[in-house]
Protein backbone atom coordinates (compact mmCIF):
# COMPACT_ATOMS: atom_id res chain seq x y z
CA UNK A 1 -0.47 -19.66 -39.80
CA UNK A 2 2.56 -19.04 -37.77
CA UNK A 3 0.81 -21.25 -34.74
CA UNK A 4 -0.62 -23.80 -37.24
CA UNK A 5 3.05 -24.47 -38.14
CA UNK A 6 4.48 -24.48 -35.10
CA UNK A 7 1.67 -27.09 -34.35
CA UNK A 8 2.52 -29.12 -36.96
CA UNK A 9 6.25 -29.21 -35.77
CA UNK A 10 5.10 -30.71 -32.85
CA UNK A 11 2.72 -33.06 -34.37
CA UNK A 12 5.62 -34.15 -36.99
CA UNK A 13 7.92 -34.97 -34.06
CA UNK A 14 5.15 -36.88 -32.26
CA UNK A 15 4.60 -38.85 -35.56
CA UNK A 16 7.99 -39.83 -35.69
CA UNK A 17 8.84 -40.71 -32.15
CA UNK A 18 8.70 -44.23 -31.27
CA UNK A 19 8.85 -43.80 -27.63
CA UNK A 20 5.33 -43.81 -25.87
CA UNK A 21 5.94 -41.08 -23.19
CA UNK A 22 8.06 -38.70 -25.78
CA UNK A 23 5.45 -39.21 -28.37
CA UNK A 24 2.86 -37.95 -25.66
CA UNK A 25 4.96 -35.09 -24.49
CA UNK A 26 5.34 -33.54 -27.96
CA UNK A 27 1.44 -33.81 -28.70
CA UNK A 28 0.40 -31.86 -24.89
CA UNK A 29 3.71 -29.68 -26.05
CA UNK A 30 1.80 -28.34 -29.51
CA UNK A 31 -1.70 -28.07 -28.04
CA UNK A 32 -0.49 -26.55 -25.11
CA UNK A 33 1.07 -23.89 -26.95
CA UNK A 34 -1.55 -23.61 -29.72
CA UNK A 35 -3.89 -22.67 -27.06
CA UNK A 36 -1.52 -20.03 -24.71
CA UNK A 37 -2.12 -18.39 -28.16
CA UNK A 38 -5.54 -17.95 -27.55
CA UNK A 39 -6.75 -17.58 -23.47
CA UNK A 40 -4.64 -17.74 -20.32
CA UNK A 41 -3.50 -20.75 -19.10
CA UNK A 42 -6.21 -23.09 -17.52
CA UNK A 43 -4.28 -26.26 -16.25
CA UNK A 44 -0.98 -26.36 -13.67
CA UNK A 45 1.31 -27.71 -17.13
CA UNK A 46 -0.22 -24.81 -19.25
CA UNK A 47 0.92 -22.38 -16.09
CA UNK A 48 3.94 -23.67 -15.78
CA UNK A 49 4.77 -23.50 -19.63
CA UNK A 50 3.86 -20.20 -19.51
CA UNK A 51 6.00 -19.26 -17.03
CA UNK A 52 8.84 -20.33 -19.49
CA UNK A 53 8.02 -18.47 -22.10
CA UNK A 54 7.89 -15.67 -20.06
CA UNK A 55 11.52 -16.70 -18.36
CA UNK A 56 12.78 -16.24 -22.16
CA UNK A 57 11.15 -13.32 -22.51
CA UNK A 58 12.35 -11.88 -19.46
CA UNK A 59 15.82 -12.55 -19.60
CA UNK A 60 16.28 -11.51 -23.67
CA UNK A 61 14.63 -8.67 -23.46
CA UNK A 62 14.94 -7.02 -19.71
CA UNK A 63 17.71 -9.09 -17.91
CA UNK A 64 15.22 -9.69 -15.51
CA UNK A 65 15.71 -13.34 -12.93
CA UNK A 66 13.15 -13.52 -10.81
CA UNK A 67 9.46 -15.71 -10.86
CA UNK A 68 8.05 -14.56 -7.35
CA UNK A 69 6.31 -17.23 -4.57
CA UNK A 70 6.13 -20.04 -6.74
CA UNK A 71 4.02 -22.21 -4.47
CA UNK A 72 1.40 -19.40 -4.24
CA UNK A 73 1.64 -18.41 -7.85
CA UNK A 74 0.54 -22.27 -8.85
CA UNK A 75 -1.92 -23.29 -6.24
CA UNK A 76 -4.46 -22.72 -7.48
CA UNK A 77 -4.02 -24.15 -10.53
CA UNK A 78 -1.76 -27.33 -8.70
CA UNK A 79 -4.77 -28.25 -6.37
CA UNK A 80 -7.70 -27.89 -9.15
CA UNK A 81 -5.35 -30.39 -11.49
CA UNK A 82 -5.08 -32.65 -8.62
CA UNK A 83 -8.59 -32.74 -7.44
CA UNK A 84 -9.57 -33.10 -10.94
CA UNK A 85 -7.42 -36.38 -11.37
CA UNK A 86 -5.82 -34.93 -14.49
CA UNK A 87 -2.44 -34.30 -12.49
CA UNK A 88 -0.28 -36.66 -9.78
CA UNK A 89 2.58 -34.99 -7.36
CA UNK A 90 5.25 -36.56 -9.44
CA UNK A 91 4.06 -35.29 -12.60
CA UNK A 92 3.93 -32.00 -10.93
CA UNK A 93 7.47 -32.45 -9.80
CA UNK A 94 9.01 -33.49 -13.64
CA UNK A 95 6.71 -30.50 -15.30
CA UNK A 96 8.84 -27.84 -12.35
CA UNK A 97 12.05 -30.09 -12.61
CA UNK A 98 11.48 -28.85 -16.65
CA UNK A 99 11.13 -25.10 -15.67
CA UNK A 100 13.82 -25.07 -13.69
CA UNK A 101 16.16 -26.55 -16.32
CA UNK A 102 14.78 -23.70 -18.84
CA UNK A 103 16.28 -21.08 -16.37
CA UNK A 104 16.93 -20.78 -12.98
CA UNK A 105 15.09 -17.74 -12.12
CA UNK A 106 14.93 -16.73 -8.43
CA UNK A 107 11.32 -18.56 -6.75
CA UNK A 108 10.39 -18.71 -3.13
CA UNK A 109 8.51 -21.31 -1.06
CA UNK A 110 7.11 -20.64 2.45
CA UNK A 111 6.36 -17.50 4.50
CA UNK A 112 3.47 -16.02 5.99
CA UNK A 113 0.16 -14.21 4.79
CA UNK A 114 0.60 -10.35 4.84
CA UNK A 115 -1.02 -10.30 8.50
CA UNK A 116 1.22 -12.82 9.58
CA UNK A 117 -1.43 -15.23 11.34
CA UNK A 118 -1.17 -18.01 8.75
CA UNK A 119 1.46 -19.82 6.96
CA UNK A 120 1.57 -20.25 2.97
CA UNK A 121 3.51 -23.38 2.98
CA UNK A 122 1.35 -26.17 1.26
CA UNK A 123 1.81 -29.34 -0.38
CA UNK A 124 2.86 -27.78 -3.55
CA UNK A 125 5.81 -26.20 -1.53
CA UNK A 126 6.98 -29.71 -1.16
CA UNK A 127 6.82 -30.66 -4.50
CA UNK A 128 8.52 -27.52 -5.84
CA UNK A 129 11.47 -28.41 -3.22
CA UNK A 130 11.35 -32.17 -4.46
CA UNK A 131 11.71 -30.49 -7.88
CA UNK A 132 14.75 -29.13 -6.96
CA UNK A 133 16.08 -32.32 -5.75
CA UNK A 134 15.35 -34.38 -8.65
CA UNK A 135 16.83 -31.73 -11.27
CA UNK A 136 20.39 -31.77 -9.12
CA UNK A 137 21.47 -28.33 -10.21
CA UNK A 138 21.54 -25.12 -8.17
CA UNK A 139 18.06 -23.54 -8.71
CA UNK A 140 18.16 -20.16 -7.22
CA UNK A 141 15.45 -21.65 -4.68
CA UNK A 142 14.81 -19.59 -1.42
CA UNK A 143 12.49 -20.88 1.61
CA UNK A 144 10.96 -18.54 4.09
CA UNK A 145 11.66 -19.25 7.49
CA UNK A 146 9.97 -18.21 9.94
CA UNK A 147 9.00 -18.65 13.87
CA UNK A 148 5.89 -21.24 14.57
CA UNK A 149 2.80 -19.77 14.33
CA UNK A 150 0.27 -21.02 17.50
CA UNK A 151 -2.53 -23.30 16.67
CA UNK A 152 -1.04 -23.94 12.51
CA UNK A 153 0.64 -27.07 11.38
CA UNK A 154 3.70 -28.00 11.50
CA UNK A 155 3.93 -28.26 7.80
CA UNK A 156 6.73 -25.18 7.68
CA UNK A 157 8.91 -26.92 10.29
CA UNK A 158 8.56 -29.91 8.05
CA UNK A 159 9.36 -27.99 4.52
CA UNK A 160 12.57 -26.52 6.37
CA UNK A 161 13.90 -29.95 7.32
CA UNK A 162 13.39 -31.57 4.23
CA UNK A 163 15.16 -28.37 2.84
CA UNK A 164 18.02 -28.90 5.09
CA UNK A 165 18.73 -33.23 4.25
CA UNK A 166 18.62 -32.45 0.74
CA UNK A 167 21.06 -29.88 1.20
CA UNK A 168 23.15 -32.56 3.16
CA UNK A 169 22.24 -35.09 0.42
CA UNK A 170 22.61 -33.02 -2.59
CA UNK A 171 25.63 -30.46 -1.54
CA UNK A 172 23.37 -27.66 -2.44
CA UNK A 173 20.27 -26.66 -1.64
CA UNK A 174 17.92 -23.43 -0.84
CA UNK A 175 19.01 -20.39 0.82
CA UNK A 176 17.20 -19.52 3.25
CA UNK A 177 15.26 -16.25 3.61
CA UNK A 178 14.68 -14.93 7.59
CA UNK A 179 10.96 -13.73 7.81
CA UNK A 180 12.40 -11.49 11.09
CA UNK A 181 14.89 -9.49 9.16
CA UNK A 182 13.39 -9.55 5.94
CA UNK A 183 9.86 -8.51 7.36
CA UNK A 184 10.50 -6.21 10.73
CA UNK A 185 13.83 -4.96 9.02
CA UNK A 186 12.32 -3.46 6.46
CA UNK A 187 9.31 -2.23 8.69
CA UNK A 188 12.27 -0.22 10.26
CA UNK A 189 12.84 2.08 7.58
CA UNK A 190 8.97 3.24 7.83
CA UNK A 191 6.87 0.63 6.04
CA UNK A 192 4.30 -1.60 7.26
CA UNK A 193 5.51 -5.12 8.47
CA UNK A 194 2.68 -6.25 6.23
CA UNK A 195 4.33 -5.12 3.17
CA UNK A 196 7.65 -6.46 4.25
CA UNK A 197 5.66 -9.80 4.45
CA UNK A 198 5.01 -9.72 0.97
CA UNK A 199 8.55 -8.92 -0.29
CA UNK A 200 9.78 -12.26 -2.31
CA UNK A 201 13.29 -13.48 -3.04
CA UNK A 202 13.91 -11.47 -6.92
CA UNK A 203 17.92 -11.55 -6.39
CA UNK A 204 20.70 -11.86 -4.01
CA UNK A 205 20.87 -8.33 -3.27
CA UNK A 206 16.93 -8.73 -2.16
CA UNK A 207 17.68 -10.43 0.83
CA UNK A 208 21.23 -9.63 1.63
């Protein structure tokens, strides 16, 4: 009954909205939230909406503040929806900017696989960076910076360059998490370097 009331509330908001974009948005919010009460997320927008709910619970009850490596976390949803033609990069930027507006939980993009033989930078990494730029407020987004990997693309270098350009343009931007210190420095404490590469920014102290 509560789920139905929630759905009806958004349906009423949609019915009373003259702007087509806002009307469609209300309808989607109602549909997505109803679906999330019954099953796991299936689309990119559903996954991001789930994270928005997580942010609220995380802050309210656990004083938390981190979402993790957002590009790898959401990449499968993003690529699947892009291939199916139900999502554009512009829409993804808007959805992610909305997530950051909901709460500036710590997130990270870029980096290496645990084996250190492959970059994880993807086109979603750039979309997330663009979302930060669109929002024009600090977002606690970190970018993992590492030395070039022989035989790999220059995507990581391009991501770093765009991040620096946005910092100069906006007057703020990402923080930089340096692979050598985060992974190799961690390994000096007796841990596998592979585990160090899996470390993700979850607060200022985590990368200090």
